Structure formats: structure tokens, C-alpha cells
Amino acid sequence: MSTTDKMLFALIMGCSYILIGMVQLITGALKALSEASMTEYAGHVIADGLFIPPDIIAGMILMLIGCVFLYGASEIHSGVHEGVAYVYVGILLSLIFAGIYVLAATGDLLEAHLLKNEEYAGWSILDALRPEIYLGVLSLLTYLKWKDSFEVAEN
């Protein structure tokens, strides 16, 4: 796999993470402000369509992962081969947070179907789908494709 492919992947993932993180951050702030002023929070069509919950902290985390990807892309573009390491760290961070939210979704699934909790009546797996999960799946597929191409330079 060439470094150009890795740079392009990092650029796409970085932009995706930052844009989705900004949407998540903004909708989270709007929800917090509407709760503070006792007005009703109306969800946004874009956020609901992409399964983006209003969450300020998760939005910041997504933006951080996006910055790691973009920094890796800029290093590769500048000719610094070590920028590939930033791409791999971005993939690793993506997989970690995807794993956390998959475990949380599994807990919700058990709560809804095994324990029959009334708070989870009508719960479906789409209620637990988050950008961290579907972006993590892209990172997982990329990792599986590139896992043998990681190079360790010997001095």
C-alpha cells in the first residue's frame, strides 16, 4: 500500500471525524442550552439521519481523532514518512472508541431483551448506533487491509 493511499485515507477520515464531531458538539451545546432555558430541544435532521447524538464530550473526542488523522496526512504530504504512524494511531484510537460504544450497545441490548427493563421498552439496535461505531468499522476494515504493511525502520 502506497503512502498516497494512506494520506488519502487519513484526509477523508480526518475530515469525517472533525465534521461529525463538530455536529455532535454543536447539537450537544444546543441541547444543554435548551435544557437550561427550559425550552424543548428539537433534534436536527442531519444529526438524526447520521445517528449523531447530542454529546459535547464525544464530539470533542471525535474532533481529536480527526486532528490525529489530519496531522498524519499533512506529515505524509510534506514527505515525512513517520506521518504514517499518526495514521495508525488514528486507526487505533478509532478502534478503541468504537469498541467502547459497541460494549455499551451490548449492555443496552442485554438490558432491553434479557432483563426486560421498562426503560428500554421499544429499544432497537439503531438506538445505540453512533458515529464512533460506523467510523470505527471503516478503520477496522482499513487496519485489516494494511496490517502487514506497517514498516519499522531500523537504524
N, C-alpha and C. Protein backbone atom coordinates (compact mmCIF):
# COMPACT_ATOMS: atom_id res chain seq x y z
N MET A 1 0.85 -1.18 0.00
CA MET A 1 0.00 0.00 0.00
C MET A 1 0.90 1.23 0.00
N SER A 2 0.64 2.14 -0.89
CA SER A 2 1.48 3.32 -1.01
C SER A 2 1.11 4.36 0.05
N THR A 3 2.04 5.26 0.28
CA THR A 3 1.77 6.31 1.26
C THR A 3 0.71 7.28 0.76
N THR A 4 0.54 7.36 -0.57
CA THR A 4 -0.51 8.22 -1.11
C THR A 4 -1.88 7.71 -0.71
N ASP A 5 -2.06 6.39 -0.72
CA ASP A 5 -3.33 5.81 -0.28
C ASP A 5 -3.57 6.09 1.20
N LYS A 6 -2.52 5.98 1.98
CA LYS A 6 -2.65 6.24 3.42
C LYS A 6 -2.94 7.71 3.68
N MET A 7 -2.33 8.58 2.90
CA MET A 7 -2.60 10.01 3.05
C MET A 7 -4.04 10.33 2.68
N LEU A 8 -4.53 9.75 1.60
CA LEU A 8 -5.91 9.98 1.18
C LEU A 8 -6.90 9.44 2.21
N PHE A 9 -6.64 8.25 2.73
CA PHE A 9 -7.48 7.69 3.78
C PHE A 9 -7.49 8.59 5.00
N ALA A 10 -6.31 9.05 5.43
CA ALA A 10 -6.22 9.91 6.61
C ALA A 10 -6.94 11.23 6.39
N LEU A 11 -6.86 11.76 5.20
CA LEU A 11 -7.55 13.02 4.89
C LEU A 11 -9.06 12.84 4.95
N ILE A 12 -9.56 11.77 4.35
CA ILE A 12 -11.01 11.51 4.36
C ILE A 12 -11.50 11.25 5.77
N MET A 13 -10.79 10.39 6.50
CA MET A 13 -11.21 10.08 7.87
C MET A 13 -11.08 11.29 8.79
N GLY A 14 -10.02 12.06 8.62
CA GLY A 14 -9.84 13.24 9.46
C GLY A 14 -10.96 14.25 9.25
N CYS A 15 -11.30 14.51 8.01
CA CYS A 15 -12.40 15.44 7.72
C CYS A 15 -13.73 14.89 8.23
N SER A 16 -13.95 13.60 8.06
CA SER A 16 -15.20 12.98 8.54
C SER A 16 -15.31 13.09 10.05
N TYR A 17 -14.24 12.75 10.75
CA TYR A 17 -14.26 12.81 12.21
C TYR A 17 -14.47 14.24 12.70
N ILE A 18 -13.81 15.20 12.09
CA ILE A 18 -13.94 16.58 12.55
C ILE A 18 -15.34 17.12 12.26
N LEU A 19 -15.88 16.86 11.07
CA LEU A 19 -17.23 17.34 10.75
C LEU A 19 -18.29 16.72 11.65
N ILE A 20 -18.23 15.41 11.82
CA ILE A 20 -19.21 14.75 12.67
C ILE A 20 -19.03 15.18 14.12
N GLY A 21 -17.79 15.34 14.55
CA GLY A 21 -17.53 15.82 15.91
C GLY A 21 -18.08 17.22 16.14
N MET A 22 -17.95 18.09 15.12
CA MET A 22 -18.50 19.44 15.26
C MET A 22 -20.03 19.41 15.35
N VAL A 23 -20.66 18.57 14.52
CA VAL A 23 -22.12 18.44 14.59
C VAL A 23 -22.54 17.94 15.97
N GLN A 24 -21.82 16.94 16.47
CA GLN A 24 -22.14 16.38 17.78
C GLN A 24 -21.93 17.42 18.89
N LEU A 25 -20.87 18.18 18.79
CA LEU A 25 -20.58 19.21 19.78
C LEU A 25 -21.63 20.32 19.75
N ILE A 26 -21.97 20.78 18.56
CA ILE A 26 -22.94 21.88 18.44
C ILE A 26 -24.32 21.44 18.89
N THR A 27 -24.77 20.24 18.47
CA THR A 27 -26.09 19.78 18.90
C THR A 27 -26.11 19.52 20.40
N GLY A 28 -24.99 19.06 20.96
CA GLY A 28 -24.91 18.88 22.41
C GLY A 28 -25.01 20.19 23.16
N ALA A 29 -24.34 21.21 22.63
CA ALA A 29 -24.41 22.52 23.26
C ALA A 29 -25.81 23.11 23.14
N LEU A 30 -26.45 22.93 21.98
CA LEU A 30 -27.82 23.42 21.82
C LEU A 30 -28.79 22.71 22.76
N LYS A 31 -28.59 21.43 22.93
CA LYS A 31 -29.45 20.68 23.85
C LYS A 31 -29.24 21.15 25.29
N ALA A 32 -27.98 21.37 25.67
CA ALA A 32 -27.69 21.84 27.02
C ALA A 32 -28.28 23.23 27.25
N LEU A 33 -28.19 24.09 26.25
CA LEU A 33 -28.76 25.44 26.39
C LEU A 33 -30.28 25.40 26.45
N SER A 34 -30.90 24.50 25.68
CA SER A 34 -32.36 24.43 25.71
C SER A 34 -32.85 23.86 27.03
N GLU A 35 -32.09 22.94 27.62
CA GLU A 35 -32.48 22.42 28.93
C GLU A 35 -32.28 23.48 30.01
N ALA A 36 -31.25 24.32 29.85
CA ALA A 36 -31.00 25.37 30.83
C ALA A 36 -32.08 26.45 30.77
N SER A 37 -32.62 26.71 29.57
CA SER A 37 -33.63 27.75 29.45
C SER A 37 -35.05 27.18 29.46
N MET A 38 -35.17 25.88 29.76
CA MET A 38 -36.47 25.20 29.89
C MET A 38 -37.27 25.19 28.59
N THR A 39 -36.61 25.25 27.46
CA THR A 39 -37.31 25.12 26.19
C THR A 39 -37.11 23.72 25.65
N GLU A 40 -37.92 23.32 24.73
CA GLU A 40 -37.83 21.97 24.18
C GLU A 40 -36.73 21.90 23.15
N TYR A 41 -35.94 20.84 23.23
CA TYR A 41 -34.87 20.61 22.25
C TYR A 41 -35.46 19.85 21.07
N ALA A 42 -35.32 20.42 19.90
CA ALA A 42 -35.77 19.75 18.69
C ALA A 42 -34.54 19.20 17.98
N GLY A 43 -34.53 17.91 17.71
CA GLY A 43 -33.39 17.30 17.03
C GLY A 43 -33.19 17.88 15.65
N HIS A 44 -32.04 17.69 15.11
CA HIS A 44 -31.72 18.20 13.79
C HIS A 44 -31.76 17.07 12.78
N VAL A 45 -32.22 17.35 11.58
CA VAL A 45 -32.41 16.34 10.55
C VAL A 45 -31.08 15.66 10.19
N ILE A 46 -30.04 16.44 10.03
CA ILE A 46 -28.74 15.87 9.67
C ILE A 46 -28.22 14.97 10.79
N ALA A 47 -28.30 15.45 12.02
CA ALA A 47 -27.81 14.67 13.15
C ALA A 47 -28.62 13.40 13.33
N ASP A 48 -29.92 13.48 13.16
CA ASP A 48 -30.75 12.29 13.32
C ASP A 48 -30.53 11.30 12.18
N GLY A 49 -30.34 11.79 10.98
CA GLY A 49 -30.14 10.92 9.82
C GLY A 49 -28.81 10.18 9.86
N LEU A 50 -27.80 10.77 10.48
CA LEU A 50 -26.49 10.13 10.58
C LEU A 50 -26.27 9.47 11.95
N PHE A 51 -27.34 9.38 12.75
CA PHE A 51 -27.29 8.77 14.08
C PHE A 51 -26.27 9.47 14.97
N ILE A 52 -26.27 10.80 14.91
CA ILE A 52 -25.33 11.59 15.72
C ILE A 52 -26.08 12.11 16.94
N PRO A 53 -25.77 11.58 18.12
CA PRO A 53 -26.44 12.06 19.32
C PRO A 53 -25.84 13.40 19.78
N PRO A 54 -26.62 14.19 20.49
CA PRO A 54 -26.07 15.45 21.02
C PRO A 54 -25.19 15.17 22.23
N ASP A 55 -23.89 15.21 22.05
CA ASP A 55 -22.96 14.85 23.11
C ASP A 55 -21.69 15.71 22.96
N ILE A 56 -21.48 16.60 23.92
CA ILE A 56 -20.37 17.54 23.84
C ILE A 56 -19.02 16.84 23.96
N ILE A 57 -18.87 15.98 24.96
CA ILE A 57 -17.57 15.33 25.20
C ILE A 57 -17.21 14.39 24.05
N ALA A 58 -18.18 13.59 23.58
CA ALA A 58 -17.90 12.68 22.47
C ALA A 58 -17.56 13.47 21.20
N GLY A 59 -18.16 14.64 21.03
CA GLY A 59 -17.82 15.49 19.89
C GLY A 59 -16.38 15.96 19.95
N MET A 60 -15.92 16.31 21.15
CA MET A 60 -14.52 16.72 21.31
C MET A 60 -13.57 15.55 21.03
N ILE A 61 -13.95 14.35 21.47
CA ILE A 61 -13.11 13.18 21.22
C ILE A 61 -13.03 12.90 19.72
N LEU A 62 -14.16 13.00 19.03
CA LEU A 62 -14.15 12.78 17.58
C LEU A 62 -13.27 13.81 16.88
N MET A 63 -13.34 15.04 17.33
CA MET A 63 -12.50 16.08 16.72
C MET A 63 -11.02 15.82 16.99
N LEU A 64 -10.69 15.30 18.17
CA LEU A 64 -9.30 14.96 18.48
C LEU A 64 -8.79 13.84 17.57
N ILE A 65 -9.60 12.81 17.37
CA ILE A 65 -9.20 11.71 16.48
C ILE A 65 -9.04 12.24 15.06
N GLY A 66 -9.93 13.13 14.64
CA GLY A 66 -9.82 13.73 13.31
C GLY A 66 -8.54 14.53 13.16
N CYS A 67 -8.15 15.24 14.20
CA CYS A 67 -6.89 16.01 14.15
C CYS A 67 -5.68 15.09 14.02
N VAL A 68 -5.71 13.93 14.68
CA VAL A 68 -4.61 12.98 14.56
C VAL A 68 -4.51 12.50 13.11
N PHE A 69 -5.65 12.15 12.52
CA PHE A 69 -5.64 11.73 11.12
C PHE A 69 -5.13 12.84 10.20
N LEU A 70 -5.62 14.07 10.40
CA LEU A 70 -5.20 15.17 9.53
C LEU A 70 -3.73 15.51 9.70
N TYR A 71 -3.21 15.41 10.93
CA TYR A 71 -1.79 15.66 11.13
C TYR A 71 -0.96 14.60 10.41
N GLY A 72 -1.40 13.37 10.47
CA GLY A 72 -0.72 12.31 9.74
C GLY A 72 -0.73 12.56 8.24
N ALA A 73 -1.88 13.00 7.73
CA ALA A 73 -1.97 13.31 6.29
C ALA A 73 -1.04 14.45 5.91
N SER A 74 -0.96 15.48 6.77
CA SER A 74 -0.08 16.61 6.45
C SER A 74 1.39 16.21 6.52
N GLU A 75 1.75 15.33 7.45
CA GLU A 75 3.13 14.86 7.53
C GLU A 75 3.50 14.03 6.29
N ILE A 76 2.60 13.16 5.87
CA ILE A 76 2.86 12.35 4.67
C ILE A 76 2.98 13.26 3.45
N HIS A 77 2.09 14.25 3.37
CA HIS A 77 2.14 15.19 2.24
C HIS A 77 3.45 15.97 2.22
N SER A 78 3.98 16.27 3.39
CA SER A 78 5.25 17.00 3.48
C SER A 78 6.45 16.12 3.18
N GLY A 79 6.23 14.83 3.02
CA GLY A 79 7.34 13.93 2.72
C GLY A 79 7.94 13.26 3.93
N VAL A 80 7.35 13.48 5.10
CA VAL A 80 7.85 12.85 6.32
C VAL A 80 7.20 11.47 6.43
N HIS A 81 7.99 10.43 6.29
CA HIS A 81 7.46 9.07 6.28
C HIS A 81 6.85 8.68 7.62
N GLU A 82 7.31 9.29 8.70
CA GLU A 82 6.79 8.97 10.03
C GLU A 82 5.33 9.40 10.20
N GLY A 83 4.81 10.17 9.26
CA GLY A 83 3.41 10.56 9.32
C GLY A 83 2.47 9.37 9.24
N VAL A 84 2.96 8.26 8.68
CA VAL A 84 2.15 7.05 8.61
C VAL A 84 1.82 6.56 10.02
N ALA A 85 2.72 6.78 10.96
CA ALA A 85 2.48 6.38 12.34
C ALA A 85 1.26 7.10 12.91
N TYR A 86 1.07 8.36 12.54
CA TYR A 86 -0.10 9.09 13.01
C TYR A 86 -1.39 8.50 12.44
N VAL A 87 -1.31 8.02 11.22
CA VAL A 87 -2.48 7.37 10.62
C VAL A 87 -2.82 6.11 11.40
N TYR A 88 -1.80 5.33 11.76
CA TYR A 88 -2.04 4.13 12.53
C TYR A 88 -2.55 4.44 13.94
N VAL A 89 -2.06 5.51 14.54
CA VAL A 89 -2.56 5.91 15.86
C VAL A 89 -4.02 6.36 15.75
N GLY A 90 -4.36 7.07 14.68
CA GLY A 90 -5.75 7.45 14.45
C GLY A 90 -6.64 6.24 14.31
N ILE A 91 -6.16 5.23 13.57
CA ILE A 91 -6.93 3.99 13.44
C ILE A 91 -7.09 3.32 14.79
N LEU A 92 -6.02 3.28 15.58
CA LEU A 92 -6.08 2.66 16.91
C LEU A 92 -7.07 3.39 17.82
N LEU A 93 -7.01 4.72 17.84
CA LEU A 93 -7.97 5.48 18.65
C LEU A 93 -9.40 5.25 18.18
N SER A 94 -9.59 5.19 16.88
CA SER A 94 -10.90 4.94 16.32
C SER A 94 -11.43 3.58 16.77
N LEU A 95 -10.57 2.57 16.75
CA LEU A 95 -10.98 1.22 17.16
C LEU A 95 -11.27 1.14 18.65
N ILE A 96 -10.51 1.87 19.45
CA ILE A 96 -10.73 1.87 20.90
C ILE A 96 -12.11 2.45 21.22
N PHE A 97 -12.43 3.61 20.64
CA PHE A 97 -13.71 4.23 20.95
C PHE A 97 -14.87 3.48 20.32
N ALA A 98 -14.66 2.87 19.17
CA ALA A 98 -15.71 2.02 18.58
C ALA A 98 -15.98 0.84 19.49
N GLY A 99 -14.92 0.25 20.03
CA GLY A 99 -15.09 -0.88 20.95
C GLY A 99 -15.85 -0.49 22.21
N ILE A 100 -15.56 0.69 22.73
CA ILE A 100 -16.27 1.16 23.93
C ILE A 100 -17.77 1.29 23.64
N TYR A 101 -18.13 1.88 22.52
CA TYR A 101 -19.54 2.07 22.21
C TYR A 101 -20.23 0.77 21.78
N VAL A 102 -19.48 -0.18 21.23
CA VAL A 102 -20.06 -1.50 20.94
C VAL A 102 -20.37 -2.22 22.26
N LEU A 103 -19.47 -2.10 23.23
CA LEU A 103 -19.74 -2.70 24.55
C LEU A 103 -20.94 -2.04 25.22
N ALA A 104 -21.06 -0.73 25.10
CA ALA A 104 -22.22 -0.03 25.67
C ALA A 104 -23.51 -0.47 24.98
N ALA A 105 -23.46 -0.64 23.66
CA ALA A 105 -24.64 -1.11 22.92
C ALA A 105 -25.00 -2.53 23.31
N THR A 106 -23.99 -3.36 23.57
CA THR A 106 -24.24 -4.72 24.02
C THR A 106 -24.92 -4.71 25.39
N GLY A 107 -24.46 -3.83 26.26
CA GLY A 107 -25.11 -3.68 27.57
C GLY A 107 -26.56 -3.24 27.44
N ASP A 108 -26.82 -2.31 26.54
CA ASP A 108 -28.20 -1.87 26.31
C ASP A 108 -29.05 -3.00 25.74
N LEU A 109 -28.47 -3.79 24.86
CA LEU A 109 -29.17 -4.93 24.28
C LEU A 109 -29.54 -5.95 25.35
N LEU A 110 -28.61 -6.24 26.23
CA LEU A 110 -28.90 -7.17 27.32
C LEU A 110 -29.94 -6.60 28.27
N GLU A 111 -29.84 -5.31 28.53
CA GLU A 111 -30.80 -4.65 29.42
C GLU A 111 -32.21 -4.71 28.83
N ALA A 112 -32.32 -4.53 27.53
CA ALA A 112 -33.64 -4.49 26.89
C ALA A 112 -34.25 -5.87 26.74
N HIS A 113 -33.45 -6.84 26.33
CA HIS A 113 -34.03 -8.13 25.97
C HIS A 113 -33.87 -9.20 27.04
N LEU A 114 -32.79 -9.17 27.79
CA LEU A 114 -32.58 -10.20 28.79
C LEU A 114 -33.24 -9.83 30.11
N LEU A 115 -33.06 -8.59 30.54
CA LEU A 115 -33.62 -8.15 31.81
C LEU A 115 -35.01 -7.54 31.69
N LYS A 116 -35.43 -7.26 30.47
CA LYS A 116 -36.76 -6.69 30.19
C LYS A 116 -37.01 -5.42 31.00
N ASN A 117 -36.04 -4.54 31.04
CA ASN A 117 -36.16 -3.28 31.75
C ASN A 117 -37.20 -2.41 31.06
N GLU A 118 -38.10 -1.81 31.83
CA GLU A 118 -39.18 -0.99 31.27
C GLU A 118 -38.67 0.27 30.59
N GLU A 119 -37.53 0.77 31.02
CA GLU A 119 -36.96 1.96 30.40
C GLU A 119 -36.51 1.69 28.97
N TYR A 120 -36.28 0.43 28.64
CA TYR A 120 -35.81 0.06 27.31
C TYR A 120 -36.90 -0.56 26.45
N ALA A 121 -38.15 -0.33 26.80
CA ALA A 121 -39.26 -0.86 26.00
C ALA A 121 -39.24 -0.19 24.62
N GLY A 122 -39.27 -0.99 23.58
CA GLY A 122 -39.22 -0.47 22.22
C GLY A 122 -37.82 -0.13 21.74
N TRP A 123 -36.81 -0.51 22.50
CA TRP A 123 -35.42 -0.23 22.13
C TRP A 123 -35.01 -1.11 20.96
N SER A 124 -34.29 -0.54 20.01
CA SER A 124 -33.73 -1.32 18.91
C SER A 124 -32.24 -1.04 18.82
N ILE A 125 -31.55 -1.83 18.04
CA ILE A 125 -30.11 -1.68 17.90
C ILE A 125 -29.74 -0.34 17.24
N LEU A 126 -30.66 0.22 16.46
CA LEU A 126 -30.40 1.53 15.84
C LEU A 126 -30.34 2.65 16.88
N ASP A 127 -30.95 2.42 18.04
CA ASP A 127 -30.87 3.42 19.11
C ASP A 127 -29.45 3.54 19.67
N ALA A 128 -28.65 2.50 19.51
CA ALA A 128 -27.29 2.51 20.02
C ALA A 128 -26.26 2.83 18.95
N LEU A 129 -26.68 2.95 17.69
CA LEU A 129 -25.74 3.24 16.62
C LEU A 129 -25.23 4.67 16.74
N ARG A 130 -23.92 4.82 16.70
CA ARG A 130 -23.27 6.12 16.85
C ARG A 130 -22.19 6.26 15.80
N PRO A 131 -21.74 7.48 15.53
CA PRO A 131 -20.68 7.66 14.53
C PRO A 131 -19.38 6.96 14.90
N GLU A 132 -19.12 6.84 16.20
CA GLU A 132 -17.91 6.16 16.62
C GLU A 132 -17.91 4.71 16.14
N ILE A 133 -19.08 4.10 16.06
CA ILE A 133 -19.17 2.70 15.64
C ILE A 133 -18.98 2.57 14.13
N TYR A 134 -19.74 3.35 13.35
CA TYR A 134 -19.62 3.15 11.91
C TYR A 134 -18.33 3.71 11.34
N LEU A 135 -17.75 4.72 11.95
CA LEU A 135 -16.42 5.16 11.52
C LEU A 135 -15.35 4.17 11.98
N GLY A 136 -15.59 3.53 13.12
CA GLY A 136 -14.68 2.51 13.60
C GLY A 136 -14.66 1.28 12.71
N VAL A 137 -15.80 0.96 12.11
CA VAL A 137 -15.85 -0.17 11.17
C VAL A 137 -14.97 0.13 9.96
N LEU A 138 -15.01 1.36 9.48
CA LEU A 138 -14.12 1.74 8.36
C LEU A 138 -12.65 1.61 8.75
N SER A 139 -12.33 2.03 9.97
CA SER A 139 -10.95 1.91 10.43
C SER A 139 -10.56 0.44 10.60
N LEU A 140 -11.49 -0.39 11.06
CA LEU A 140 -11.19 -1.81 11.22
C LEU A 140 -10.91 -2.47 9.87
N LEU A 141 -11.73 -2.16 8.88
CA LEU A 141 -11.51 -2.72 7.54
C LEU A 141 -10.17 -2.26 6.97
N THR A 142 -9.84 -1.01 7.19
CA THR A 142 -8.56 -0.48 6.70
C THR A 142 -7.40 -1.13 7.44
N TYR A 143 -7.54 -1.29 8.74
CA TYR A 143 -6.48 -1.95 9.51
C TYR A 143 -6.26 -3.38 9.00
N LEU A 144 -7.33 -4.11 8.78
CA LEU A 144 -7.20 -5.48 8.30
C LEU A 144 -6.50 -5.54 6.95
N LYS A 145 -6.72 -4.52 6.12
CA LYS A 145 -6.07 -4.49 4.81
C LYS A 145 -4.59 -4.11 4.92
N TRP A 146 -4.25 -3.19 5.84
CA TRP A 146 -2.90 -2.65 5.93
C TRP A 146 -2.05 -3.27 7.02
N LYS A 147 -2.55 -4.22 7.78
CA LYS A 147 -1.82 -4.68 8.97
C LYS A 147 -0.43 -5.22 8.67
N ASP A 148 -0.22 -5.76 7.49
CA ASP A 148 1.08 -6.30 7.15
C ASP A 148 2.01 -5.28 6.51
N SER A 149 1.50 -4.08 6.24
CA SER A 149 2.34 -3.09 5.55
C SER A 149 2.99 -2.08 6.50
N PHE A 150 2.80 -2.26 7.80
CA PHE A 150 3.43 -1.34 8.73
C PHE A 150 4.91 -1.65 8.80
N GLU A 151 5.72 -0.65 8.56
CA GLU A 151 7.16 -0.83 8.49
C GLU A 151 7.83 -0.26 9.72
N VAL A 152 8.82 -0.99 10.21
CA VAL A 152 9.64 -0.50 11.30
C VAL A 152 11.03 -0.26 10.73
N ALA A 153 11.44 0.99 10.74
CA ALA A 153 12.75 1.34 10.19
C ALA A 153 13.83 1.00 11.19
N GLU A 154 14.86 0.34 10.71
CA GLU A 154 16.00 0.01 11.57
C GLU A 154 17.13 0.96 11.25
N ASN A 155 17.76 1.47 12.30
CA ASN A 155 18.88 2.40 12.11
C ASN A 155 20.19 1.68 12.15
